Amino acid sequence: MYSPQRQPRAVTFNQAIENSPSLARLAGMVRESNDLLKSIELLLPATMRASVKAGPIEGETWCLLISSNAAAAKLRQLLPALQARLLANGHKITTIRLKLLIGQPQR
């Protein structure tokens, strides 16, 4: 008796995330980090915004990924204002780390 093989069912990216707890958790962390960046974006000089990317959140510490030394130096000066904005918006971030991404392509 012939039994046709079942073709794997194609799923969208969003369906894959919904069906996998670990992917859903990762997507939530990325979303949260991007939300944090959006909440401080207006405090960043417009010319510097493309140099700053949202990084990982570990507990109450958030990492910002910076593409140049000049942007990192300016951000160090802005850290108190950025942290105050996050706290005022109800985010429980007590520390902001900066990670310099020298030699890595910008996206």
Protein backbone atom coordinates (compact mmCIF):
# COMPACT_ATOMS: atom_id res chain seq x y z
CA MET A 1 0.00 0.00 0.00
CA TYR A 2 1.33 3.41 -0.98
CA SER A 3 1.62 5.98 1.77
CA PRO A 4 2.62 9.45 0.58
CA GLN A 5 5.15 11.17 2.81
CA ARG A 6 3.91 14.25 4.56
CA GLN A 7 5.65 17.43 3.58
CA PRO A 8 6.78 19.55 6.51
CA ARG A 9 4.36 22.38 7.01
CA ALA A 10 5.88 25.79 6.38
CA VAL A 11 5.50 28.26 9.23
CA THR A 12 6.07 31.98 9.39
CA PHE A 13 8.74 33.48 11.59
CA ASN A 14 6.09 34.73 14.04
CA GLN A 15 4.49 31.26 14.22
CA ALA A 16 7.88 29.70 14.95
CA ILE A 17 8.41 32.18 17.78
CA GLU A 18 4.97 31.49 19.23
CA ASN A 19 5.58 27.74 19.12
CA SER A 20 8.96 27.87 20.86
CA PRO A 21 9.21 29.15 24.44
CA SER A 22 12.93 29.90 24.11
CA LEU A 23 12.46 31.84 20.85
CA ALA A 24 9.52 33.71 22.37
CA ARG A 25 11.64 34.65 25.40
CA LEU A 26 14.49 35.83 23.13
CA ALA A 27 12.11 37.86 20.95
CA GLY A 28 10.66 39.46 24.09
CA MET A 29 14.13 40.44 25.30
CA VAL A 30 14.97 42.00 21.92
CA ARG A 31 11.65 43.88 21.93
CA GLU A 32 12.27 45.16 25.46
CA SER A 33 15.77 46.37 24.61
CA ASN A 34 14.52 48.14 21.49
CA ASP A 35 11.76 49.77 23.57
CA LEU A 36 14.40 51.08 25.99
CA LEU A 37 16.35 52.58 23.10
CA LYS A 38 13.21 54.26 21.76
CA SER A 39 12.54 55.79 25.17
CA ILE A 40 15.95 57.53 25.25
CA GLU A 41 16.35 58.23 21.53
CA LEU A 42 15.34 61.88 21.73
CA LEU A 43 18.07 62.53 24.31
CA LEU A 44 20.72 61.41 21.80
CA PRO A 45 22.09 63.94 19.34
CA ALA A 46 20.50 63.26 15.95
CA THR A 47 23.88 62.77 14.30
CA MET A 48 24.77 60.08 16.83
CA ARG A 49 21.59 57.97 16.76
CA ALA A 50 22.80 55.69 13.96
CA SER A 51 25.90 54.87 16.03
CA VAL A 52 23.90 53.50 18.97
CA LYS A 53 22.17 50.10 18.97
CA ALA A 54 20.17 48.34 21.66
CA GLY A 55 22.09 45.54 23.33
CA PRO A 56 21.29 42.85 25.87
CA ILE A 57 19.55 43.36 29.19
CA GLU A 58 20.91 41.40 32.14
CA GLY A 59 18.85 41.97 35.25
CA GLU A 60 18.94 45.71 35.92
CA THR A 61 21.88 46.32 33.56
CA TRP A 62 21.36 47.34 29.94
CA CYS A 63 24.10 47.39 27.34
CA LEU A 64 24.27 49.90 24.50
CA LEU A 65 26.33 48.93 21.46
CA ILE A 66 28.37 51.85 20.13
CA SER A 67 30.11 52.03 16.77
CA SER A 68 32.70 54.75 17.44
CA ASN A 69 34.95 56.11 20.17
CA ALA A 70 33.53 59.60 19.69
CA ALA A 71 29.96 58.38 20.20
CA ALA A 72 31.03 56.41 23.28
CA ALA A 73 32.70 59.49 24.78
CA LYS A 74 29.58 61.60 24.24
CA LEU A 75 27.32 58.85 25.61
CA ARG A 76 29.38 58.64 28.80
CA GLN A 77 28.47 62.29 29.39
CA LEU A 78 24.79 61.56 28.74
CA LEU A 79 24.50 58.45 30.94
CA PRO A 80 22.96 60.23 33.98
CA ALA A 81 20.24 61.79 31.78
CA LEU A 82 19.60 58.51 29.95
CA GLN A 83 19.27 56.59 33.19
CA ALA A 84 16.97 59.25 34.68
CA ARG A 85 14.73 59.02 31.60
CA LEU A 86 14.53 55.23 31.89
CA LEU A 87 13.64 55.41 35.58
CA ALA A 88 11.07 58.15 34.93
CA ASN A 89 9.46 55.89 32.30
CA GLY A 90 9.20 53.05 34.82
CA HIS A 91 12.08 50.90 33.55
CA LYS A 92 14.07 49.18 36.27
CA ILE A 93 17.50 49.78 34.74
CA THR A 94 20.07 50.85 37.32
CA THR A 95 23.19 50.53 35.15
CA ILE A 96 23.89 51.27 31.50
CA ARG A 97 27.01 49.65 30.03
CA LEU A 98 28.60 50.77 26.80
CA LYS A 99 30.22 48.28 24.44
CA LEU A 100 32.35 49.61 21.62
CA LEU A 101 32.02 47.67 18.38
CA ILE A 102 35.21 48.70 16.62
CA GLY A 103 35.87 47.09 13.28
CA GLN A 104 32.37 45.62 12.97
CA PRO A 105 30.11 46.55 10.07
CA GLN A 106 27.25 48.94 10.82
CA ARG A 107 23.74 47.84 9.95
